[in-house]
Protein backbone atom coordinates (compact mmCIF):
# COMPACT_ATOMS: atom_id res chain seq x y z
CA MET A 1 -6.63 25.80 -15.10
CA SER A 2 -9.11 26.31 -12.42
CA SER A 3 -8.37 25.91 -8.62
CA SER A 4 -10.34 22.89 -8.64
CA LYS A 5 -8.42 21.16 -11.43
CA ARG A 6 -5.25 22.03 -9.78
CA SER A 7 -6.16 20.52 -6.40
CA VAL A 8 -7.32 17.39 -8.01
CA LYS A 9 -4.02 17.19 -9.96
CA ARG A 10 -1.99 17.80 -7.02
CA ALA A 11 -3.77 14.91 -5.07
CA ALA A 12 -3.39 12.60 -7.93
CA ILE A 13 0.62 13.42 -8.06
CA ILE A 14 0.72 12.53 -4.37
CA MET A 15 -1.10 9.44 -5.07
CA PHE A 16 1.25 8.46 -8.06
CA LEU A 17 4.42 9.21 -5.86
CA TYR A 18 3.15 7.15 -3.08
CA ALA A 19 2.67 4.28 -5.35
CA ILE A 20 6.28 4.75 -6.54
CA VAL A 21 7.60 4.70 -2.96
CA VAL A 22 5.75 1.77 -1.90
CA PHE A 23 6.76 -0.42 -5.05
CA ALA A 24 10.32 0.79 -4.36
CA VAL A 25 10.41 -0.17 -0.71
CA SER A 26 8.82 -3.59 -1.57
CA LEU A 27 11.67 -4.08 -4.12
CA LEU A 28 14.10 -3.27 -1.60
CA ALA A 29 12.62 -5.92 0.83
CA TYR A 30 13.42 -8.35 -2.02
CA LEU A 31 16.86 -7.16 -2.54
CA ILE A 32 17.95 -7.29 1.22
CA ALA A 33 15.93 -10.48 2.10
CA PRO A 34 18.36 -13.33 3.39
CA PRO A 35 18.44 -16.61 1.38
CA GLY A 36 15.18 -18.74 2.00
CA ALA A 37 13.03 -15.84 2.71
CA ASN A 38 9.81 -15.65 0.96
CA ALA A 39 10.70 -12.03 -0.32
CA ALA A 40 8.60 -12.28 -3.33
CA THR A 41 5.39 -11.95 -1.47
CA ALA A 42 6.60 -8.58 -0.42
CA VAL A 43 7.09 -7.52 -4.26
CA ALA A 44 3.70 -8.92 -5.07
CA SER A 45 1.84 -7.16 -2.13
CA GLY A 46 3.66 -3.95 -2.63
CA GLY A 47 3.13 -4.00 -6.34
CA THR A 48 -0.70 -4.71 -5.91
CA SER A 49 -1.01 -1.74 -3.62
CA ALA A 50 0.97 0.44 -5.92
CA VAL A 51 -1.42 -0.47 -8.93
CA LEU A 52 -4.32 0.40 -6.80
CA MET A 53 -3.04 3.65 -6.01
CA CYS A 54 -2.17 4.40 -9.65
CA VAL A 55 -5.72 3.38 -10.58
CA MET A 56 -7.20 5.67 -7.98
CA ALA A 57 -4.99 8.60 -9.01
CA GLY A 58 -6.23 8.03 -12.52
CA LEU A 59 -9.74 7.93 -11.61
CA SER A 60 -9.40 10.89 -9.58
CA LEU A 61 -8.19 12.89 -12.57
CA MET A 62 -11.45 11.94 -14.42
CA ILE A 63 -13.49 13.94 -11.96
CA HIS A 64 -14.36 16.61 -14.67
CA LYS A 65 -15.50 14.06 -17.05
CA ASN A 66 -17.08 11.47 -14.90
CA ARG A 67 -17.99 12.48 -11.52
CA THR A 68 -18.73 9.08 -10.14
CA LEU A 69 -15.33 7.65 -11.08
CA GLY A 70 -13.68 10.73 -10.07
CA MET A 71 -15.19 10.65 -6.60
CA ILE A 72 -14.19 7.07 -6.21
CA GLY A 73 -10.72 7.72 -7.17
CA ILE A 74 -10.47 10.81 -4.77
CA HIS A 75 -11.92 9.24 -1.59
CA VAL A 76 -10.52 5.80 -1.97
CA GLY A 77 -7.16 7.09 -2.87
CA MET A 78 -7.30 9.21 0.24
CA VAL A 79 -8.41 6.33 2.54
CA LEU A 80 -6.15 3.36 1.09
CA PRO A 81 -2.94 4.79 2.45
CA LEU A 82 -4.44 4.92 5.84
CA VAL A 83 -5.76 1.37 5.65
CA LEU A 84 -2.35 0.29 4.38
CA ALA A 85 -0.70 2.10 7.07
CA GLY A 86 -2.82 0.07 9.55
CA VAL A 87 -1.91 -3.28 8.03
CA PHE A 88 1.96 -2.23 8.14
CA LEU A 89 1.70 -1.09 11.59
CA TRP A 90 -0.09 -4.47 12.58
CA ARG A 91 2.49 -6.65 10.83
CA MET A 92 5.74 -4.59 11.93
CA PRO A 93 5.93 -6.00 15.58
CA ILE A 94 5.25 -9.48 14.24
CA ALA A 95 8.18 -9.16 12.02
CA TYR A 96 10.62 -7.81 14.56
CA ARG A 97 9.31 -10.61 17.07
CA ASP A 98 10.15 -13.27 14.70
CA SER A 99 13.38 -11.73 13.99
CA GLY A 100 14.22 -11.86 17.62
CA VAL A 101 12.93 -15.52 18.05
CA HIS A 102 15.08 -16.56 15.02
CA ARG A 103 18.20 -14.88 16.41
CA TYR A 104 17.91 -16.39 19.90
CA PHE A 105 17.54 -19.83 18.38
CA GLN A 106 20.27 -19.27 15.83
CA ASN A 107 22.77 -18.12 18.52
CA ALA A 108 21.83 -21.23 20.58
CA PHE A 109 22.69 -23.26 17.67
CA ALA A 110 26.07 -21.50 17.13
CA GLU A 111 26.78 -22.25 20.79
CA LYS A 112 26.12 -25.85 20.31
CA VAL A 113 28.31 -25.72 17.18
CA ALA A 114 31.12 -24.04 19.17
CA ASP A 115 30.94 -26.59 21.88
CA GLY A 116 31.30 -29.32 19.52
CA ALA A 117 28.08 -30.85 20.26
CA LEU A 118 26.54 -30.04 16.62
CA GLN A 119 28.06 -29.79 13.27
CA ASP A 120 27.68 -26.67 11.49
CA THR A 121 25.51 -27.94 8.52
CA ASP A 122 22.11 -27.24 7.18
CA GLU A 123 20.81 -30.73 8.22
CA ALA A 124 22.05 -30.17 11.73
CA ARG A 125 20.51 -26.78 11.93
CA THR A 126 17.08 -27.90 10.62
CA ALA A 127 17.23 -30.64 13.14
CA PHE A 128 17.97 -28.37 16.08
CA PHE A 129 15.19 -26.00 15.12
CA ALA A 130 12.66 -28.85 14.62
CA GLU A 131 13.72 -30.27 18.11
CA SER A 132 13.39 -26.69 19.72
CA GLU A 133 9.82 -26.41 18.09
CA ASP A 134 8.96 -29.81 19.89
CA GLN A 135 10.30 -28.58 23.16
CA LEU A 136 8.03 -25.25 22.77
CA ALA A 137 4.87 -27.51 22.27
CA GLY A 138 5.04 -27.21 18.46
CA ALA A 139 5.52 -23.22 18.32
CA GLU A 140 6.88 -22.34 15.03
CA ILE A 141 10.53 -21.05 14.95
CA PRO A 142 11.23 -18.80 12.00
CA ARG A 143 13.96 -20.28 9.81
CA THR A 144 15.24 -16.93 8.42
CA ASP A 145 15.73 -13.50 9.98
CA LYS A 146 12.69 -11.33 9.61
CA ALA A 147 14.54 -8.08 10.41
CA TYR A 148 14.48 -7.14 6.79
CA ALA A 149 10.69 -7.35 6.89
CA GLY A 150 10.45 -5.09 10.00
CA LEU A 151 12.75 -2.67 8.24
CA THR A 152 10.57 -2.27 5.29
CA LEU A 153 7.26 -2.48 6.97
CA THR A 154 8.45 0.59 9.17
CA LEU A 155 9.50 2.49 5.99
CA LEU A 156 6.09 1.84 4.31
CA PHE A 157 4.13 2.57 7.53
CA GLY A 158 6.06 6.10 7.59
CA ALA A 159 5.29 6.52 3.71
CA SER A 160 1.70 5.77 4.21
CA SER A 161 1.28 8.04 7.14
CA ALA A 162 3.00 10.82 5.42
CA ALA A 163 0.83 10.25 2.29
CA PHE A 164 -2.38 10.10 4.26
CA VAL A 165 -1.59 13.47 6.00
CA LEU A 166 -0.46 15.18 2.79
CA LEU A 167 -3.56 14.04 0.97
CA LEU A 168 -5.65 15.16 3.77
CA LEU A 169 -4.04 18.67 3.96
CA SER A 170 -4.39 19.10 0.14
CA ARG A 171 -7.84 17.59 -0.10
CA PRO A 172 -8.93 18.30 -3.68
CA SER A 173 -11.88 20.68 -4.28
CA VAL A 174 -14.68 18.68 -5.93
CA PRO A 175 -16.27 20.51 -8.63
CA LYS A 176 -20.05 21.05 -8.66
CA GLN A 177 -22.20 18.47 -10.73
CA ALA A 178 -22.72 20.85 -13.47
CA ASP A 179 -18.90 21.40 -13.79
CA ALA A 180 -18.17 17.71 -13.50
CA ASP A 181 -20.43 16.55 -16.26
CA PRO A 182 -21.42 19.46 -18.49
CA PHE A 183 -23.14 17.15 -21.05
CA GLY A 184 -24.91 15.05 -18.46
CA GLU A 185 -28.60 15.10 -17.19
CA GLN A 186 -28.45 18.76 -16.17
CA GLY A 187 -27.10 19.75 -19.58
CA ALA A 188 -29.66 17.55 -21.31
CA ALA A 189 -32.61 19.20 -19.30
CA LYS A 190 -31.32 22.72 -20.16
CA THR A 191 -31.19 21.83 -23.91
CA ASP A 192 -34.73 20.49 -23.74
CA THR A 193 -35.93 23.77 -21.96
CA GLU A 194 -34.23 25.92 -24.50
CA ARG A 195 -35.49 23.86 -27.44
CA SER A 196 -39.11 24.13 -25.89
CA GLY A 197 -38.83 27.70 -25.49
CA LYS A 198 -37.63 28.07 -29.33
CA ASP A 199 -40.60 26.04 -30.38
CA GLU A 200 -42.97 28.05 -28.54
CA ALA A 201 -41.49 31.38 -30.07
CA PHE A 202 -41.75 30.19 -33.59
CA GLY A 203 -45.07 28.22 -33.05
C-alpha cells in the first residue's frame, strides 16, 4: 500500500471514529435528559452530523478511483469538525445559562412550597413559572434543567476540536491526477497517442 493510500485511510478512520463519538454523546444526552426535555433533538442532530462524517470518510476513500469525490470527502471531512466545534461552542454557554435560570426559579418555587404559600404540584409550578415570566416582561424561563445539554455540548466541543487537530496533523497525501484517475482523460489521451504511433508505424 502506497503512502498516499495509507494517509487517506488514516484520515478516514479518524472521521469514522469521530462520527461514532458524536452519535454516542448525542445518545448519552438523550439518556441523561430530565423528564420533559426535548432530548430527541440532540439524537437527531448528532445522528445527522455522524452520518455526514461517515459519508465524507467514504468519499475520501474513493480518491484513487474518483478524484473529485475523494477531494470533496477529504476537505469537507476536515472542515466539518471545525464547523461543528464552533456550533457546539456557541450553544454551550446558552445551555449553561438556561440551566442557571431554571435552577434559580426552581429554588424560588421550592421556597414558596416550604413556606406553605404554594402547593408542590405540577399545576402550581407551571403557574409560578408563568407568573415569573410576566414579571420579567415575557422572558422565557426554561421548564427543564439544561445542565445535561451543557455537559454533552462540552464533550462534543472537545471531541470536535480533537478530531480537527488530528485530521490536520495527519492531513492525507492527495495522489496526483494520473494516480487518482488512471483511466481518465490523461489515460485516454495517452492511449490515443500510442494508437496513432502504431498506425504510423504500420502505415
